[in-house]
Amino acid sequence: MEIWLITLIFLTGIIILVVTLQLNSALNNLVKQSSHLIKQEASWWEKFKGLKPLDREQDLLMKHTYDGITELDNPTPPWFMYLFYSSIIFGLIYGAYYHVYQDGNIQETEYKTEVIAAEKARESYMKQFAQTINEENAKVLSTVKDLTKGSQIYSMNCVACHGDKGQGGVGPNLTDKFWIHGGGIKDLFKTIKHGVPEKGMIAWEKSLNPIQIQQVASFVLTLQGTNPPGAKEPQGEEIN
């Protein structure tokens, strides 16, 4: 009886020893595998780039093959997907800001704004430039734009006294070769600018800037020789 009990105790001790050794070996293997996995854990930068090292390609192999050719399950890199999603968000914000709520300065609005600014700058320059024109340096203008502007000024301010075709009325005939105060561009500029108060012609320098005076004076010169019907008799001296 004692021998059987001793034998049982001895076998139990051997079994416990063997199981302990096996558990210890298994635990060591788990520790080694865990430390190996920790070493292989990718950094955040590697995760962001989405690049897999060559020694881990086996983990990316897909199960199916085509004619012995294997395929890697390698998705689009995260950085590219972040960029793609960001472009979608940007597009939504841009569309809402510029086209839905129209708070943004789209190209058409920007163009109109720049045109208005350029026109104001041109007007400011022309005002400064206009002050340099006087009866001493006035010149005959011949462009369609200047003569059209001169015609408009004449229609608004001169028709009442000189007629719609320059034939004369209260004022003298502007279509013949006879002039009371001179028929050159400088003479016309001076007459329009300062007027002839003693004969009822007002000075236009307060109503028209020097450029406008030059334009209407140039237009008056185009009336020479038109011989409109009902023209007033010649006045002043003939100037060829």
Foldseek 3Di string as FASTA:
>chain_A
DVVVVVVVVVVVVVVVVVVVVVVVVVVVVVVVVVVVVVVVDDDVVCLQQQDDDPVCQVVQWDDDDDPNHIDGNRDDHNPVVVVVVVVVVVVVVVCCCCPVVNVDCDPVNVVVVVVVVVVVVVVVVVLVVLVVDALVDQDQDDDPVLLVLLLVVCVVPPCVAQNNLSLGDLHARLAEQFDAQDLDLSSQLVCQQCPDVVSPTHHCVVPDTNSNSSSNSNNSVVSHPPPDPPRDDGDHHGDD
